Amino acid sequence: MKQPRTPEELERIRERIIEAALAIIVEEGFSCLTMRRLASRLHMSAPNLYNFFRSKEEIYISIVIKGFQMLYDELALASGSSTGAAGKAHAMLDAYVRFGMTNKSYYDIMFTMPTPKYNDYVGTPHEKLSEVEYKISMDIARIATDTLRDLRGAGFRGSEEDVLHDVVKIWSMLHGMVSLANSNIIGYVASDIEKTHSRIIDELIDQYLN
C-alpha cells in the first residue's frame, strides 16, 4: 500500500505548482494560465492538481501572497539589522531594489504586469484569500511610512497625506531603478549598477534628513 504523503512533501508539491504557474504567467500571460495547461507542464493530471488548489485564481493569489510575504520579510530583516534612521532607511531601500532584481518573476507579477489585484476580488469568492495579500501589503506600507517618519525626525509636522505622498515618490524611484536593471538597459549608461543604486539611495535619504 502506498504511504500517504507527509506534510513536507505536500508543501513541496504546492511550491512546485506555484512556481510553474508563475512561469506560465510571466512567459505567456495571465490569460494563458489554466488548470489543464498547468497540469501538463507539471506532468500531473488535472484532477490531481485540484487536490492542492481549487482554481487557477487560488493559485494566482497564492503566488501574490508569497511574493509580498517574501518582500515583507526582506524589509523587516533589513530594518532590524541596521541602526539609526538613515541606516535603516538605506538598508530597506537597498533590500527593495535587491528583491526586485533577484526575484524578477515575482516582482513582475506584483508591480509590473496588469494582473488582478485585491480590488478585483472584492465581492467574489476569492476576496477572503486575496485579503491576506492586501494585509501584508499594508504591513509593508506601514514599515515604509514609519521609517520615513523616523528619518524626518521629531520636528516633522507634515500630515499623513504628506508622508504617503513621499512614500509613493520614493517607491516610484525605486521601481524605476528595478525596471531599468531588469531590462538590462541601465548598463548602457552605468558601468557599476550596484554603485549607482547605492548613490541614488543615499541621495534619496539626504532629501528627508533633518
Protein backbone atom coordinates (compact mmCIF):
# COMPACT_ATOMS: atom_id res chain seq x y z
CA MET A 1 0.00 0.00 0.00
CA LYS A 2 1.27 3.45 -0.93
CA GLN A 3 2.15 5.54 2.10
CA PRO A 4 0.35 8.90 2.42
CA ARG A 5 2.48 11.94 1.67
CA THR A 6 3.96 13.82 4.59
CA PRO A 7 3.03 17.48 5.17
CA GLU A 8 6.51 18.42 3.94
CA GLU A 9 6.00 16.51 0.69
CA LEU A 10 2.60 18.12 0.17
CA GLU A 11 4.10 21.57 0.73
CA ARG A 12 6.86 20.84 -1.79
CA ILE A 13 4.25 19.89 -4.37
CA ARG A 14 2.30 23.09 -3.67
CA GLU A 15 5.50 25.07 -4.18
CA ARG A 16 6.16 23.31 -7.49
CA ILE A 17 2.64 24.19 -8.61
CA ILE A 18 3.08 27.84 -7.62
CA GLU A 19 6.44 28.14 -9.39
CA ALA A 20 5.09 26.50 -12.56
CA ALA A 21 2.05 28.79 -12.57
CA LEU A 22 4.29 31.81 -12.08
CA ALA A 23 6.39 30.77 -15.07
CA ILE A 24 3.30 30.44 -17.28
CA ILE A 25 2.01 33.90 -16.31
CA VAL A 26 5.38 35.59 -16.90
CA GLU A 27 6.17 33.73 -20.13
CA GLU A 28 2.73 33.58 -21.73
CA GLY A 29 0.43 35.96 -19.85
CA PHE A 30 -2.16 35.61 -17.11
CA SER A 31 -4.89 34.62 -19.55
CA CYS A 32 -2.85 31.56 -20.54
CA LEU A 33 -2.86 30.14 -17.02
CA THR A 34 -5.34 27.28 -16.98
CA MET A 35 -5.51 24.21 -14.81
CA ARG A 36 -5.12 21.98 -17.86
CA ARG A 37 -2.03 23.82 -19.12
CA LEU A 38 -0.54 23.85 -15.64
CA ALA A 39 -1.17 20.14 -15.13
CA SER A 40 0.52 19.41 -18.45
CA ARG A 41 3.56 21.47 -17.52
CA LEU A 42 3.86 19.62 -14.21
CA HIS A 43 3.14 16.21 -15.76
CA MET A 44 0.21 15.84 -13.40
CA SER A 45 -3.40 15.01 -14.07
CA ALA A 46 -5.86 17.90 -13.79
CA PRO A 47 -7.90 16.07 -11.10
CA ASN A 48 -4.72 15.62 -9.05
CA LEU A 49 -4.00 19.34 -9.35
CA TYR A 50 -7.40 20.10 -7.85
CA ASN A 51 -6.34 18.18 -4.74
CA PHE A 52 -3.96 21.06 -3.98
CA PHE A 53 -5.78 24.13 -5.33
CA ARG A 54 -9.44 24.62 -6.13
CA SER A 55 -8.92 27.01 -9.04
CA LYS A 56 -6.37 28.94 -11.05
CA GLU A 57 -7.44 32.06 -9.12
CA GLU A 58 -6.47 30.38 -5.86
CA ILE A 59 -3.09 29.50 -7.33
CA TYR A 60 -2.54 33.01 -8.65
CA ILE A 61 -3.48 34.70 -5.37
CA SER A 62 -1.16 32.28 -3.54
CA ILE A 63 1.66 33.45 -5.82
CA VAL A 64 0.97 37.09 -4.97
CA ILE A 65 0.75 36.32 -1.25
CA LYS A 66 4.09 34.53 -1.38
CA GLY A 67 5.72 37.42 -3.24
CA PHE A 68 4.54 40.07 -0.80
CA GLN A 69 5.47 37.91 2.18
CA MET A 70 8.98 37.48 0.75
CA LEU A 71 9.29 41.25 0.29
CA TYR A 72 7.96 41.98 3.78
CA ASP A 73 10.44 39.54 5.31
CA GLU A 74 13.33 41.15 3.42
CA LEU A 75 12.34 44.66 4.50
CA ALA A 76 11.78 43.64 8.12
CA LEU A 77 15.16 41.90 8.21
CA ALA A 78 16.87 44.95 6.70
CA SER A 79 15.21 47.27 9.21
CA GLY A 80 16.14 45.10 12.17
CA SER A 81 19.76 44.62 11.10
CA SER A 82 20.61 48.33 10.92
CA THR A 83 20.85 51.17 13.44
CA GLY A 84 19.94 54.81 13.13
CA ALA A 85 17.19 56.27 10.97
CA ALA A 86 19.42 56.77 7.93
CA GLY A 87 20.98 53.32 8.28
CA LYS A 88 17.58 51.61 8.49
CA ALA A 89 16.27 53.59 5.53
CA HIS A 90 19.28 52.75 3.37
CA ALA A 91 19.10 49.06 4.26
CA MET A 92 15.39 48.90 3.45
CA LEU A 93 15.64 50.76 0.14
CA ASP A 94 18.55 48.56 -0.86
CA ALA A 95 16.57 45.46 0.15
CA TYR A 96 13.64 46.54 -2.05
CA VAL A 97 15.86 47.01 -5.10
CA ARG A 98 17.68 43.75 -4.44
CA PHE A 99 14.38 41.88 -4.08
CA GLY A 100 13.15 43.23 -7.41
CA MET A 101 16.36 42.27 -9.19
CA THR A 102 16.71 38.78 -7.70
CA ASN A 103 13.02 37.82 -7.82
CA LYS A 104 12.14 39.18 -11.25
CA SER A 105 9.15 36.96 -11.89
CA TYR A 106 7.52 37.71 -8.55
CA TYR A 107 8.30 41.41 -8.94
CA ASP A 108 6.66 41.48 -12.38
CA ILE A 109 3.51 39.85 -11.01
CA MET A 110 3.37 42.20 -8.04
CA PHE A 111 4.29 45.54 -9.55
CA THR A 112 4.68 45.48 -13.33
CA MET A 113 2.14 43.27 -15.06
CA PRO A 114 -1.56 44.27 -15.12
CA THR A 115 -2.58 41.10 -13.34
CA PRO A 116 -5.56 41.08 -10.92
CA LYS A 117 -5.09 42.73 -7.55
CA TYR A 118 -7.10 42.80 -4.31
CA ASN A 119 -9.75 45.23 -5.56
CA ASP A 120 -10.52 42.85 -8.44
CA TYR A 121 -11.54 40.17 -5.95
CA VAL A 122 -13.69 42.24 -3.62
CA GLY A 123 -17.19 40.78 -3.65
CA THR A 124 -16.03 37.48 -5.16
CA PRO A 125 -15.49 34.05 -3.56
CA HIS A 126 -11.76 34.82 -3.60
CA GLU A 127 -11.94 38.02 -1.56
CA LYS A 128 -11.03 36.36 1.75
CA LEU A 129 -7.85 34.79 0.35
CA SER A 130 -6.88 37.94 -1.53
CA GLU A 131 -7.30 39.90 1.69
CA VAL A 132 -4.26 38.06 3.06
CA GLU A 133 -2.10 39.68 0.36
CA TYR A 134 -3.71 43.07 0.99
CA LYS A 135 -2.90 42.90 4.71
CA ILE A 136 0.73 42.01 4.01
CA SER A 137 0.91 44.89 1.53
CA MET A 138 -0.39 47.25 4.18
CA ASP A 139 2.22 45.93 6.62
CA ILE A 140 4.87 46.83 4.04
CA ALA A 141 3.34 50.30 3.68
CA ARG A 142 3.41 50.71 7.47
CA ILE A 143 7.12 49.83 7.64
CA ALA A 144 7.80 52.35 4.88
CA THR A 145 5.85 55.18 6.49
CA ASP A 146 7.30 54.52 9.95
CA THR A 147 10.83 54.54 8.52
CA LEU A 148 10.20 57.80 6.68
CA ARG A 149 8.80 59.45 9.81
CA ASP A 150 11.88 58.38 11.77
CA LEU A 151 14.06 59.78 9.02
CA ARG A 152 12.22 63.10 9.12
CA GLY A 153 12.72 63.36 12.86
CA ALA A 154 10.55 64.53 15.76
CA GLY A 155 10.27 68.03 14.34
CA PHE A 156 8.37 66.93 11.25
CA ARG A 157 4.82 68.30 11.27
CA GLY A 158 3.57 67.03 7.93
CA SER A 159 0.24 65.27 7.55
CA GLU A 160 -0.37 61.60 6.89
CA GLU A 161 -1.10 62.54 3.29
CA ASP A 162 2.32 64.22 3.05
CA VAL A 163 4.05 61.09 4.32
CA LEU A 164 2.18 58.81 1.90
CA HIS A 165 2.95 61.20 -0.96
CA ASP A 166 6.66 60.94 -0.20
CA VAL A 167 6.46 57.15 0.14
CA VAL A 168 4.93 56.93 -3.34
CA LYS A 169 7.59 59.30 -4.70
CA ILE A 170 10.40 57.16 -3.29
CA TRP A 171 8.66 53.96 -4.37
CA SER A 172 8.39 55.30 -7.93
CA MET A 173 12.13 55.99 -7.98
CA LEU A 174 12.93 52.50 -6.68
CA HIS A 175 10.57 50.90 -9.18
CA GLY A 176 12.34 52.74 -11.97
CA MET A 177 15.69 51.50 -10.71
CA VAL A 178 14.47 47.91 -10.65
CA SER A 179 12.82 48.14 -14.06
CA LEU A 180 15.91 49.61 -15.73
CA ALA A 181 18.13 46.96 -14.15
CA ASN A 182 15.82 44.07 -15.06
CA SER A 183 15.54 45.24 -18.67
CA ASN A 184 19.36 45.34 -18.88
CA ILE A 185 19.16 48.85 -20.35
CA ILE A 186 20.78 50.65 -17.42
CA GLY A 187 24.09 49.05 -18.34
CA TYR A 188 24.23 51.32 -21.39
CA VAL A 189 24.99 54.31 -19.18
CA ALA A 190 26.07 52.90 -15.80
CA SER A 191 29.15 50.70 -15.67
CA ASP A 192 28.70 49.85 -11.97
CA ILE A 193 24.97 49.31 -11.35
CA GLU A 194 25.33 48.50 -7.65
CA LYS A 195 27.38 51.65 -7.02
CA THR A 196 24.87 53.74 -8.99
CA HIS A 197 21.95 52.36 -7.00
CA SER A 198 23.71 52.97 -3.70
CA ARG A 199 24.44 56.58 -4.63
CA ILE A 200 20.83 57.20 -5.69
CA ILE A 201 19.58 55.71 -2.42
CA ASP A 202 21.95 57.96 -0.43
CA GLU A 203 20.67 60.99 -2.33
CA LEU A 204 17.06 59.99 -1.68
CA ILE A 205 17.73 59.68 2.03
CA ASP A 206 19.54 63.01 2.19
CA GLN A 207 16.39 64.75 0.96
CA TYR A 208 14.50 63.72 4.09
CA LEU A 209 17.12 64.02 6.80
CA ASN A 210 16.63 66.92 9.20
